[in-house]
Amino acid sequence: MSNAIIEAAVAALSEKMAGADFDGTAKFEIEGEGAVIVDGTSVRAAEDGEAADVTMSADADVFQEIMSGELNPTAAFMSGKLSLDGDMGTAMKLGSALS
């Protein structure tokens, strides 16, 4: 499944992950659009059912706000706009790599 929102998410995450120190796998599920996998410093569209150390789910608007820096990922999680499933430590490492 490839669409403009997933392609834009891959591009935005790739740019943010350039030079980052991240050694886990994380999946961003964008509600109604698909998912993106960050595996170390590589970023790609996720296959259906693909697993990761942590899965983060949000709608496209929240994801865009996080990528643009308008919304802190921790604040999004605490306010219920971003849900996590899996390893919280990996999510925190990814948050540090993205900031």
PDB file of N, CA and C in Angstrom:
ATOM      1  N   MET A   1       0.857  -1.187   0.000  1.00  0.00           N
ATOM      2  CA  MET A   1       0.000   0.000   0.000  1.00  0.00           C
ATOM      3  C   MET A   1       0.896   1.241   0.000  1.00  0.00           C
ATOM      4  N   SER A   2       0.767   2.025  -1.009  1.00  0.00           N
ATOM      5  CA  SER A   2       1.564   3.241  -1.087  1.00  0.00           C
ATOM      6  C   SER A   2       0.634   4.407  -1.361  1.00  0.00           C
ATOM      7  N   ASN A   3       0.766   5.440  -0.567  1.00  0.00           N
ATOM      8  CA  ASN A   3      -0.017   6.638  -0.827  1.00  0.00           C
ATOM      9  C   ASN A   3       0.796   7.863  -0.447  1.00  0.00           C
ATOM     10  N   ALA A   4       0.288   9.008  -0.769  1.00  0.00           N
ATOM     11  CA  ALA A   4       1.038  10.253  -0.575  1.00  0.00           C
ATOM     12  C   ALA A   4       1.365  10.508   0.896  1.00  0.00           C
ATOM     13  N   ILE A   5       0.446  10.183   1.800  1.00  0.00           N
ATOM     14  CA  ILE A   5       0.696  10.441   3.219  1.00  0.00           C
ATOM     15  C   ILE A   5       1.821   9.548   3.734  1.00  0.00           C
ATOM     16  N   ILE A   6       1.806   8.268   3.363  1.00  0.00           N
ATOM     17  CA  ILE A   6       2.872   7.350   3.791  1.00  0.00           C
ATOM     18  C   ILE A   6       4.202   7.770   3.164  1.00  0.00           C
ATOM     19  N   GLU A   7       4.189   8.127   1.881  1.00  0.00           N
ATOM     20  CA  GLU A   7       5.424   8.578   1.223  1.00  0.00           C
ATOM     21  C   GLU A   7       5.979   9.838   1.894  1.00  0.00           C
ATOM     22  N   ALA A   8       5.106  10.771   2.257  1.00  0.00           N
ATOM     23  CA  ALA A   8       5.536  11.990   2.944  1.00  0.00           C
ATOM     24  C   ALA A   8       6.081  11.656   4.335  1.00  0.00           C
ATOM     25  N   ALA A   9       5.461  10.687   5.013  1.00  0.00           N
ATOM     26  CA  ALA A   9       5.921  10.280   6.336  1.00  0.00           C
ATOM     27  C   ALA A   9       7.310   9.650   6.249  1.00  0.00           C
ATOM     28  N   VAL A  10       7.528   8.803   5.246  1.00  0.00           N
ATOM     29  CA  VAL A  10       8.848   8.185   5.055  1.00  0.00           C
ATOM     30  C   VAL A  10       9.892   9.273   4.811  1.00  0.00           C
ATOM     31  N   ALA A  11       9.564  10.245   3.967  1.00  0.00           N
ATOM     32  CA  ALA A  11      10.502  11.332   3.664  1.00  0.00           C
ATOM     33  C   ALA A  11      10.807  12.162   4.909  1.00  0.00           C
ATOM     34  N   ALA A  12       9.777  12.523   5.680  1.00  0.00           N
ATOM     35  CA  ALA A  12       9.958  13.349   6.876  1.00  0.00           C
ATOM     36  C   ALA A  12      10.779  12.610   7.930  1.00  0.00           C
ATOM     37  N   LEU A  13      10.461  11.333   8.148  1.00  0.00           N
ATOM     38  CA  LEU A  13      11.201  10.561   9.141  1.00  0.00           C
ATOM     39  C   LEU A  13      12.640  10.310   8.695  1.00  0.00           C
ATOM     40  N   SER A  14      12.839  10.066   7.412  1.00  0.00           N
ATOM     41  CA  SER A  14      14.193   9.845   6.895  1.00  0.00           C
ATOM     42  C   SER A  14      15.063  11.068   7.154  1.00  0.00           C
ATOM     43  N   GLU A  15      14.489  12.246   6.919  1.00  0.00           N
ATOM     44  CA  GLU A  15      15.218  13.493   7.143  1.00  0.00           C
ATOM     45  C   GLU A  15      15.557  13.664   8.619  1.00  0.00           C
ATOM     46  N   LYS A  16      14.590  13.385   9.504  1.00  0.00           N
ATOM     47  CA  LYS A  16      14.818  13.539  10.936  1.00  0.00           C
ATOM     48  C   LYS A  16      15.793  12.500  11.476  1.00  0.00           C
ATOM     49  N   MET A  17      15.823  11.307  10.886  1.00  0.00           N
ATOM     50  CA  MET A  17      16.668  10.229  11.386  1.00  0.00           C
ATOM     51  C   MET A  17      18.098  10.312  10.847  1.00  0.00           C
ATOM     52  N   ALA A  18      18.353  11.163   9.867  1.00  0.00           N
ATOM     53  CA  ALA A  18      19.702  11.284   9.296  1.00  0.00           C
ATOM     54  C   ALA A  18      20.698  11.625  10.405  1.00  0.00           C
ATOM     55  N   GLY A  19      21.664  10.771  10.589  1.00  0.00           N
ATOM     56  CA  GLY A  19      22.684  11.008  11.607  1.00  0.00           C
ATOM     57  C   GLY A  19      22.243  10.675  13.023  1.00  0.00           C
ATOM     58  N   ALA A  20      21.042  10.153  13.195  1.00  0.00           N
ATOM     59  CA  ALA A  20      20.538   9.838  14.536  1.00  0.00           C
ATOM     60  C   ALA A  20      21.148   8.547  15.057  1.00  0.00           C
ATOM     61  N   ASP A  21      21.157   8.395  16.352  1.00  0.00           N
ATOM     62  CA  ASP A  21      21.655   7.194  16.999  1.00  0.00           C
ATOM     63  C   ASP A  21      20.458   6.418  17.538  1.00  0.00           C
ATOM     64  N   PHE A  22      19.930   5.492  16.734  1.00  0.00           N
ATOM     65  CA  PHE A  22      18.760   4.712  17.129  1.00  0.00           C
ATOM     66  C   PHE A  22      18.980   3.276  16.683  1.00  0.00           C
ATOM     67  N   ASP A  23      18.904   2.332  17.616  1.00  0.00           N
ATOM     68  CA  ASP A  23      19.233   0.951  17.280  1.00  0.00           C
ATOM     69  C   ASP A  23      18.058  -0.016  17.436  1.00  0.00           C
ATOM     70  N   GLY A  24      16.848   0.491  17.465  1.00  0.00           N
ATOM     71  CA  GLY A  24      15.686  -0.373  17.614  1.00  0.00           C
ATOM     72  C   GLY A  24      14.827  -0.372  16.363  1.00  0.00           C
ATOM     73  N   THR A  25      13.626  -0.926  16.502  1.00  0.00           N
ATOM     74  CA  THR A  25      12.640  -0.833  15.431  1.00  0.00           C
ATOM     75  C   THR A  25      11.372  -0.215  16.008  1.00  0.00           C
ATOM     76  N   ALA A  26      10.817   0.710  15.251  1.00  0.00           N
ATOM     77  CA  ALA A  26       9.583   1.378  15.682  1.00  0.00           C
ATOM     78  C   ALA A  26       8.646   1.462  14.492  1.00  0.00           C
ATOM     79  N   LYS A  27       7.378   1.315  14.766  1.00  0.00           N
ATOM     80  CA  LYS A  27       6.373   1.404  13.710  1.00  0.00           C
ATOM     81  C   LYS A  27       5.434   2.547  14.040  1.00  0.00           C
ATOM     82  N   PHE A  28       5.228   3.422  13.066  1.00  0.00           N
ATOM     83  CA  PHE A  28       4.237   4.489  13.179  1.00  0.00           C
ATOM     84  C   PHE A  28       3.024   4.073  12.376  1.00  0.00           C
ATOM     85  N   GLU A  29       1.906   3.846  13.049  1.00  0.00           N
ATOM     86  CA  GLU A  29       0.658   3.552  12.347  1.00  0.00           C
ATOM     87  C   GLU A  29      -0.119   4.851  12.223  1.00  0.00           C
ATOM     88  N   ILE A  30      -0.376   5.238  10.984  1.00  0.00           N
ATOM     89  CA  ILE A  30      -1.143   6.447  10.717  1.00  0.00           C
ATOM     90  C   ILE A  30      -2.551   5.988  10.374  1.00  0.00           C
ATOM     91  N   GLU A  31      -3.476   6.271  11.272  1.00  0.00           N
ATOM     92  CA  GLU A  31      -4.840   5.746  11.186  1.00  0.00           C
ATOM     93  C   GLU A  31      -5.455   5.995   9.814  1.00  0.00           C
ATOM     94  N   GLY A  32      -5.927   4.917   9.210  1.00  0.00           N
ATOM     95  CA  GLY A  32      -6.602   5.004   7.931  1.00  0.00           C
ATOM     96  C   GLY A  32      -5.679   5.150   6.731  1.00  0.00           C
ATOM     97  N   GLU A  33      -4.358   5.204   6.965  1.00  0.00           N
ATOM     98  CA  GLU A  33      -3.421   5.436   5.865  1.00  0.00           C
ATOM     99  C   GLU A  33      -2.430   4.294   5.666  1.00  0.00           C
ATOM    100  N   GLY A  34      -1.936   3.720   6.749  1.00  0.00           N
ATOM    101  CA  GLY A  34      -0.918   2.687   6.662  1.00  0.00           C
ATOM    102  C   GLY A  34       0.103   2.879   7.762  1.00  0.00           C
ATOM    103  N   ALA A  35       1.304   2.354   7.548  1.00  0.00           N
ATOM    104  CA  ALA A  35       2.323   2.418   8.601  1.00  0.00           C
ATOM    105  C   ALA A  35       3.705   2.602   8.002  1.00  0.00           C
ATOM    106  N   VAL A  36       4.595   3.122   8.836  1.00  0.00           N
ATOM    107  CA  VAL A  36       5.981   3.363   8.471  1.00  0.00           C
ATOM    108  C   VAL A  36       6.855   2.693   9.524  1.00  0.00           C
ATOM    109  N   ILE A  37       7.922   2.027   9.078  1.00  0.00           N
ATOM    110  CA  ILE A  37       8.873   1.369   9.990  1.00  0.00           C
ATOM    111  C   ILE A  37      10.175   2.148  10.020  1.00  0.00           C
ATOM    112  N   VAL A  38      10.670   2.411  11.235  1.00  0.00           N
ATOM    113  CA  VAL A  38      12.013   2.940  11.426  1.00  0.00           C
ATOM    114  C   VAL A  38      12.820   1.772  11.985  1.00  0.00           C
ATOM    115  N   ASP A  39      13.835   1.340  11.250  1.00  0.00           N
ATOM    116  CA  ASP A  39      14.668   0.205  11.637  1.00  0.00           C
ATOM    117  C   ASP A  39      16.108   0.699  11.679  1.00  0.00           C
ATOM    118  N   GLY A  40      16.587   1.020  12.889  1.00  0.00           N
ATOM    119  CA  GLY A  40      17.869   1.696  12.987  1.00  0.00           C
ATOM    120  C   GLY A  40      17.699   3.089  12.411  1.00  0.00           C
ATOM    121  N   THR A  41      18.454   3.406  11.376  1.00  0.00           N
ATOM    122  CA  THR A  41      18.300   4.722  10.751  1.00  0.00           C
ATOM    123  C   THR A  41      17.610   4.640   9.397  1.00  0.00           C
ATOM    124  N   SER A  42      17.172   3.432   8.986  1.00  0.00           N
ATOM    125  CA  SER A  42      16.438   3.340   7.719  1.00  0.00           C
ATOM    126  C   SER A  42      14.941   3.496   7.977  1.00  0.00           C
ATOM    127  N   VAL A  43      14.258   4.057   7.010  1.00  0.00           N
ATOM    128  CA  VAL A  43      12.820   4.322   7.133  1.00  0.00           C
ATOM    129  C   VAL A  43      12.155   3.829   5.864  1.00  0.00           C
ATOM    130  N   ARG A  44      11.033   3.100   6.022  1.00  0.00           N
ATOM    131  CA  ARG A  44      10.323   2.576   4.854  1.00  0.00           C
ATOM    132  C   ARG A  44       8.862   2.335   5.194  1.00  0.00           C
ATOM    133  N   ALA A  45       8.059   2.183   4.151  1.00  0.00           N
ATOM    134  CA  ALA A  45       6.659   1.821   4.353  1.00  0.00           C
ATOM    135  C   ALA A  45       6.619   0.420   4.951  1.00  0.00           C
ATOM    136  N   ALA A  46       5.731   0.188   5.890  1.00  0.00           N
ATOM    137  CA  ALA A  46       5.635  -1.109   6.562  1.00  0.00           C
ATOM    138  C   ALA A  46       4.767  -2.065   5.750  1.00  0.00           C
ATOM    139  N   GLU A  47       5.109  -3.337   5.832  1.00  0.00           N
ATOM    140  CA  GLU A  47       4.276  -4.394   5.259  1.00  0.00           C
ATOM    141  C   GLU A  47       3.140  -4.677   6.237  1.00  0.00           C
ATOM    142  N   ASP A  48       2.031  -5.206   5.748  1.00  0.00           N
ATOM    143  CA  ASP A  48       0.918  -5.573   6.627  1.00  0.00           C
ATOM    144  C   ASP A  48       1.384  -6.576   7.672  1.00  0.00           C
ATOM    145  N   GLY A  49       1.063  -6.323   8.928  1.00  0.00           N
ATOM    146  CA  GLY A  49       1.382  -7.240  10.002  1.00  0.00           C
ATOM    147  C   GLY A  49       2.828  -7.233  10.460  1.00  0.00           C
ATOM    148  N   GLU A  50       3.648  -6.344   9.915  1.00  0.00           N
ATOM    149  CA  GLU A  50       5.060  -6.292  10.293  1.00  0.00           C
ATOM    150  C   GLU A  50       5.197  -5.827  11.741  1.00  0.00           C
ATOM    151  N   ALA A  51       6.042  -6.525  12.504  1.00  0.00           N
ATOM    152  CA  ALA A  51       6.213  -6.224  13.926  1.00  0.00           C
ATOM    153  C   ALA A  51       7.410  -5.301  14.151  1.00  0.00           C
ATOM    154  N   ALA A  52       7.389  -4.609  15.304  1.00  0.00           N
ATOM    155  CA  ALA A  52       8.485  -3.731  15.709  1.00  0.00           C
ATOM    156  C   ALA A  52       8.583  -3.767  17.226  1.00  0.00           C
ATOM    157  N   ASP A  53       9.677  -3.225  17.766  1.00  0.00           N
ATOM    158  CA  ASP A  53       9.847  -3.175  19.226  1.00  0.00           C
ATOM    159  C   ASP A  53       8.740  -2.356  19.871  1.00  0.00           C
ATOM    160  N   VAL A  54       8.333  -1.285  19.187  1.00  0.00           N
ATOM    161  CA  VAL A  54       7.259  -0.434  19.696  1.00  0.00           C
ATOM    162  C   VAL A  54       6.419   0.042  18.512  1.00  0.00           C
ATOM    163  N   THR A  55       5.113   0.113  18.720  1.00  0.00           N
ATOM    164  CA  THR A  55       4.201   0.641  17.705  1.00  0.00           C
ATOM    165  C   THR A  55       3.529   1.874  18.269  1.00  0.00           C
ATOM    166  N   MET A  56       3.607   2.968  17.511  1.00  0.00           N
ATOM    167  CA  MET A  56       2.967   4.215  17.893  1.00  0.00           C
ATOM    168  C   MET A  56       1.852   4.496  16.907  1.00  0.00           C
ATOM    169  N   SER A  57       0.685   4.830  17.405  1.00  0.00           N
ATOM    170  CA  SER A  57      -0.471   5.069  16.544  1.00  0.00           C
ATOM    171  C   SER A  57      -1.025   6.467  16.775  1.00  0.00           C
ATOM    172  N   ALA A  58      -1.334   7.134  15.670  1.00  0.00           N
ATOM    173  CA  ALA A  58      -1.937   8.472  15.737  1.00  0.00           C
ATOM    174  C   ALA A  58      -2.612   8.733  14.408  1.00  0.00           C
ATOM    175  N   ASP A  59      -3.449   9.768  14.375  1.00  0.00           N
ATOM    176  CA  ASP A  59      -4.038  10.125  13.088  1.00  0.00           C
ATOM    177  C   ASP A  59      -3.041  10.979  12.304  1.00  0.00           C
ATOM    178  N   ALA A  60      -3.342  11.207  11.042  1.00  0.00           N
ATOM    179  CA  ALA A  60      -2.412  11.905  10.150  1.00  0.00           C
ATOM    180  C   ALA A  60      -2.102  13.318  10.653  1.00  0.00           C
ATOM    181  N   ASP A  61      -3.087  14.017  11.217  1.00  0.00           N
ATOM    182  CA  ASP A  61      -2.865  15.380  11.704  1.00  0.00           C
ATOM    183  C   ASP A  61      -1.872  15.408  12.865  1.00  0.00           C
ATOM    184  N   VAL A  62      -2.038  14.481  13.811  1.00  0.00           N
ATOM    185  CA  VAL A  62      -1.129  14.419  14.967  1.00  0.00           C
ATOM    186  C   VAL A  62       0.275  14.048  14.492  1.00  0.00           C
ATOM    187  N   PHE A  63       0.372  13.077  13.587  1.00  0.00           N
ATOM    188  CA  PHE A  63       1.675  12.683  13.065  1.00  0.00           C
ATOM    189  C   PHE A  63       2.365  13.875  12.402  1.00  0.00           C
ATOM    190  N   GLN A  64       1.624  14.644  11.617  1.00  0.00           N
ATOM    191  CA  GLN A  64       2.183  15.809  10.939  1.00  0.00           C
ATOM    192  C   GLN A  64       2.665  16.842  11.954  1.00  0.00           C
ATOM    193  N   GLU A  65       1.904  17.068  13.016  1.00  0.00           N
ATOM    194  CA  GLU A  65       2.301  18.024  14.049  1.00  0.00           C
ATOM    195  C   GLU A  65       3.582  17.571  14.752  1.00  0.00           C
ATOM    196  N   ILE A  66       3.719  16.268  14.986  1.00  0.00           N
ATOM    197  CA  ILE A  66       4.939  15.752  15.619  1.00  0.00           C
ATOM    198  C   ILE A  66       6.128  15.941  14.677  1.00  0.00           C
ATOM    199  N   MET A  67       5.950  15.618  13.395  1.00  0.00           N
ATOM    200  CA  MET A  67       7.046  15.742  12.427  1.00  0.00           C
ATOM    201  C   MET A  67       7.484  17.193  12.229  1.00  0.00           C
ATOM    202  N   SER A  68       6.529  18.125  12.289  1.00  0.00           N
ATOM    203  CA  SER A  68       6.871  19.533  12.066  1.00  0.00           C
ATOM    204  C   SER A  68       7.445  20.195  13.317  1.00  0.00           C
ATOM    205  N   GLY A  69       7.362  19.487  14.447  1.00  0.00           N
ATOM    206  CA  GLY A  69       7.870  20.058  15.691  1.00  0.00           C
ATOM    207  C   GLY A  69       6.838  20.859  16.459  1.00  0.00           C
ATOM    208  N   GLU A  70       5.610  20.938  15.937  1.00  0.00           N
ATOM    209  CA  GLU A  70       4.540  21.675  16.628  1.00  0.00           C
ATOM    210  C   GLU A  70       4.082  20.954  17.892  1.00  0.00           C
ATOM    211  N   LEU A  71       4.208  19.611  17.885  1.00  0.00           N
ATOM    212  CA  LEU A  71       3.719  18.805  18.996  1.00  0.00           C
ATOM    213  C   LEU A  71       4.834  17.886  19.470  1.00  0.00           C
ATOM    214  N   ASN A  72       5.138  17.932  20.753  1.00  0.00           N
ATOM    215  CA  ASN A  72       6.132  17.059  21.351  1.00  0.00           C
ATOM    216  C   ASN A  72       5.540  15.651  21.447  1.00  0.00           C
ATOM    217  N   PRO A  73       6.302  14.600  21.039  1.00  0.00           N
ATOM    218  CA  PRO A  73       5.751  13.239  21.100  1.00  0.00           C
ATOM    219  C   PRO A  73       5.321  12.831  22.508  1.00  0.00           C
ATOM    220  N   THR A  74       6.060  13.250  23.530  1.00  0.00           N
ATOM    221  CA  THR A  74       5.687  12.918  24.905  1.00  0.00           C
ATOM    222  C   THR A  74       4.367  13.583  25.278  1.00  0.00           C
ATOM    223  N   ALA A  75       4.211  14.847  24.888  1.00  0.00           N
ATOM    224  CA  ALA A  75       2.956  15.558  25.162  1.00  0.00           C
ATOM    225  C   ALA A  75       1.794  14.895  24.414  1.00  0.00           C
ATOM    226  N   ALA A  76       2.041  14.455  23.185  1.00  0.00           N
ATOM    227  CA  ALA A  76       0.999  13.783  22.406  1.00  0.00           C
ATOM    228  C   ALA A  76       0.569  12.494  23.103  1.00  0.00           C
ATOM    229  N   PHE A  77       1.540  11.745  23.641  1.00  0.00           N
ATOM    230  CA  PHE A  77       1.231  10.508  24.357  1.00  0.00           C
ATOM    231  C   PHE A  77       0.456  10.809  25.636  1.00  0.00           C
ATOM    232  N   MET A  78       0.929  11.788  26.399  1.00  0.00           N
ATOM    233  CA  MET A  78       0.294  12.106  27.678  1.00  0.00           C
ATOM    234  C   MET A  78      -1.135  12.628  27.499  1.00  0.00           C
ATOM    235  N   SER A  79      -1.396  13.274  26.372  1.00  0.00           N
ATOM    236  CA  SER A  79      -2.738  13.809  26.131  1.00  0.00           C
ATOM    237  C   SER A  79      -3.645  12.810  25.416  1.00  0.00           C
ATOM    238  N   GLY A  80      -3.128  11.620  25.116  1.00  0.00           N
ATOM    239  CA  GLY A  80      -3.948  10.596  24.481  1.00  0.00           C
ATOM    240  C   GLY A  80      -4.027  10.703  22.966  1.00  0.00           C
ATOM    241  N   LYS A  81      -3.296  11.625  22.366  1.00  0.00           N
ATOM    242  CA  LYS A  81      -3.321  11.774  20.902  1.00  0.00           C
ATOM    243  C   LYS A  81      -2.450  10.736  20.215  1.00  0.00           C
ATOM    244  N   LEU A  82      -1.479  10.183  20.946  1.00  0.00           N
ATOM    245  CA  LEU A  82      -0.548   9.187  20.428  1.00  0.00           C
ATOM    246  C   LEU A  82      -0.603   7.987  21.358  1.00  0.00           C
ATOM    247  N   SER A  83      -0.858   6.799  20.801  1.00  0.00           N
ATOM    248  CA  SER A  83      -0.874   5.606  21.649  1.00  0.00           C
ATOM    249  C   SER A  83       0.353   4.754  21.361  1.00  0.00           C
ATOM    250  N   LEU A  84       0.821   4.065  22.400  1.00  0.00           N
ATOM    251  CA  LEU A  84       2.007   3.223  22.304  1.00  0.00           C
ATOM    252  C   LEU A  84       1.658   1.795  22.652  1.00  0.00           C
ATOM    253  N   ASP A  85       2.285   0.864  21.942  1.00  0.00           N
ATOM    254  CA  ASP A  85       2.155  -0.546  22.254  1.00  0.00           C
ATOM    255  C   ASP A  85       3.538  -1.156  22.094  1.00  0.00           C
ATOM    256  N   GLY A  86       4.096  -1.684  23.175  1.00  0.00           N
ATOM    257  CA  GLY A  86       5.418  -2.289  23.085  1.00  0.00           C
ATOM    258  C   GLY A  86       6.381  -1.665  24.069  1.00  0.00           C
ATOM    259  N   ASP A  87       7.644  -1.613  23.678  1.00  0.00           N
ATOM    260  CA  ASP A  87       8.723  -1.212  24.569  1.00  0.00           C
ATOM    261  C   ASP A  87       8.825   0.309  24.720  1.00  0.00           C
ATOM    262  N   MET A  88       8.505   0.790  25.916  1.00  0.00           N
ATOM    263  CA  MET A  88       8.543   2.229  26.196  1.00  0.00           C
ATOM    264  C   MET A  88       9.961   2.786  26.061  1.00  0.00           C
ATOM    265  N   GLY A  89      10.971   2.004  26.432  1.00  0.00           N
ATOM    266  CA  GLY A  89      12.357   2.456  26.315  1.00  0.00           C
ATOM    267  C   GLY A  89      12.737   2.754  24.874  1.00  0.00           C
ATOM    268  N   THR A  90      12.292   1.894  23.950  1.00  0.00           N
ATOM    269  CA  THR A  90      12.557   2.124  22.521  1.00  0.00           C
ATOM    270  C   THR A  90      11.854   3.393  22.065  1.00  0.00           C
ATOM    271  N   ALA A  91      10.623   3.597  22.518  1.00  0.00           N
ATOM    272  CA  ALA A  91       9.882   4.809  22.153  1.00  0.00           C
ATOM    273  C   ALA A  91      10.616   6.047  22.638  1.00  0.00           C
ATOM    274  N   MET A  92      11.168   5.988  23.839  1.00  0.00           N
ATOM    275  CA  MET A  92      11.885   7.144  24.390  1.00  0.00           C
ATOM    276  C   MET A  92      13.184   7.398  23.618  1.00  0.00           C
ATOM    277  N   LYS A  93      13.888   6.319  23.227  1.00  0.00           N
ATOM    278  CA  LYS A  93      15.104   6.487  22.432  1.00  0.00           C
ATOM    279  C   LYS A  93      14.776   7.124  21.084  1.00  0.00           C
ATOM    280  N   LEU A  94      13.668   6.686  20.486  1.00  0.00           N
ATOM    281  CA  LEU A  94      13.257   7.251  19.198  1.00  0.00           C
ATOM    282  C   LEU A  94      12.886   8.721  19.377  1.00  0.00           C
ATOM    283  N   GLY A  95      12.162   9.042  20.449  1.00  0.00           N
ATOM    284  CA  GLY A  95      11.803  10.425  20.718  1.00  0.00           C
ATOM    285  C   GLY A  95      13.031  11.306  20.817  1.00  0.00           C
ATOM    286  N   SER A  96      14.075  10.814  21.482  1.00  0.00           N
ATOM    287  CA  SER A  96      15.320  11.573  21.607  1.00  0.00           C
ATOM    288  C   SER A  96      15.989  11.741  20.245  1.00  0.00           C
ATOM    289  N   ALA A  97      15.973  10.685  19.427  1.00  0.00           N
ATOM    290  CA  ALA A  97      16.589  10.741  18.109  1.00  0.00           C
ATOM    291  C   ALA A  97      15.872  11.722  17.188  1.00  0.00           C
ATOM    292  N   LEU A  98      14.559  11.855  17.369  1.00  0.00           N
ATOM    293  CA  LEU A  98      13.762  12.732  16.502  1.00  0.00           C
ATOM    294  C   LEU A  98      13.802  14.186  16.923  1.00  0.00           C
ATOM    295  N   SER A  99      14.224  14.476  18.157  1.00  0.00           N
ATOM    296  CA  SER A  99      14.168  15.861  18.612  1.00  0.00           C
ATOM    297  C   SER A  99      15.432  16.634  18.287  1.00  0.00           C
TER     298      SER A  99
END
